[in-house]
Amino acid sequence: MKKWVDNIFVADPARGDTGERELWAGKVAFELGDLSVAKEYLDTANQKSRGRCFGVEDAKYLKFLKNNK
């Protein structure tokens, strides 16, 4: 999963930027225990999407982000 996430930032640069890439990168970093990187990515995803990229299944990531502001 980590290799895939690393590649999403170079794939299809013309694609609209809604924070989805950062959300995925933040999820992977969180699950790997790299919490400082996870916070950066999740914060960027939240800003770009104005919170809309977080779905019901992402509650733990949003809670982590809010608790680490």
Protein backbone atom coordinates (compact mmCIF):
# COMPACT_ATOMS: atom_id res chain seq x y z
CA MET A 1 0.00 0.00 0.00
CA LYS A 2 2.85 2.39 0.82
CA LYS A 3 4.34 2.00 -2.68
CA TRP A 4 0.94 2.72 -4.23
CA VAL A 5 0.46 5.84 -2.10
CA ASP A 6 3.90 7.13 -3.05
CA ASN A 7 2.93 6.83 -6.72
CA ILE A 8 -0.43 8.61 -6.51
CA PHE A 9 1.26 12.00 -6.28
CA VAL A 10 2.95 11.59 -9.65
CA ALA A 11 0.10 9.86 -11.45
CA ASP A 12 -2.31 11.98 -13.51
CA PRO A 13 -1.24 15.48 -12.41
CA ALA A 14 -4.09 17.02 -14.45
CA ARG A 15 -6.65 15.36 -12.21
CA GLY A 16 -8.69 17.65 -9.98
CA ASP A 17 -7.20 18.11 -6.54
CA THR A 18 -9.81 17.50 -3.87
CA GLY A 19 -7.54 16.17 -1.13
CA GLU A 20 -8.28 12.52 -1.90
CA ARG A 21 -4.61 11.75 -2.53
CA GLU A 22 -3.57 13.29 0.76
CA LEU A 23 -6.36 11.43 2.55
CA TRP A 24 -5.05 8.10 1.28
CA ALA A 25 -1.46 9.03 2.13
CA GLY A 26 -2.56 10.10 5.60
CA LYS A 27 -4.45 6.86 6.18
CA VAL A 28 -1.44 4.77 5.20
CA ALA A 29 0.95 6.83 7.32
CA PHE A 30 -1.44 6.57 10.27
CA GLU A 31 -1.71 2.79 9.95
CA LEU A 32 2.09 2.50 9.67
CA GLY A 33 2.43 4.52 12.89
CA ASP A 34 4.01 7.58 11.28
CA LEU A 35 1.67 9.97 13.05
CA SER A 36 3.46 13.23 12.28
CA VAL A 37 3.30 12.51 8.54
CA ALA A 38 -0.29 11.31 8.90
CA LYS A 39 -1.26 14.59 10.57
CA GLU A 40 0.30 16.64 7.76
CA TYR A 41 -1.45 14.69 5.02
CA LEU A 42 -4.79 14.53 6.80
CA ASP A 43 -4.67 18.25 7.57
CA THR A 44 -3.96 19.02 3.90
CA ALA A 45 -6.80 16.71 2.81
CA ASN A 46 -9.15 18.43 5.23
CA GLN A 47 -8.19 21.89 3.97
CA LYS A 48 -8.43 21.01 0.28
CA SER A 49 -11.79 19.28 0.63
CA ARG A 50 -13.18 21.43 3.44
CA GLY A 51 -13.76 18.17 5.34
CA ARG A 52 -15.81 16.57 2.58
CA CYS A 53 -13.30 13.84 1.69
CA PHE A 54 -13.74 12.17 5.09
CA GLY A 55 -16.46 9.54 4.96
CA VAL A 56 -18.12 7.60 7.76
CA GLU A 57 -15.42 4.93 7.45
CA ASP A 58 -12.75 7.59 8.10
CA ALA A 59 -14.00 8.60 11.54
CA LYS A 60 -10.84 7.48 13.36
CA TYR A 61 -8.65 9.57 11.07
CA LEU A 62 -10.78 12.66 11.46
CA LYS A 63 -10.84 12.16 15.25
CA PHE A 64 -7.04 11.82 15.24
CA LEU A 65 -6.74 15.03 13.23
CA LYS A 66 -9.07 16.98 15.50
CA ASN A 67 -7.29 15.73 18.63
CA ASN A 68 -3.90 16.77 17.29
CA LYS A 69 -4.56 20.36 16.20
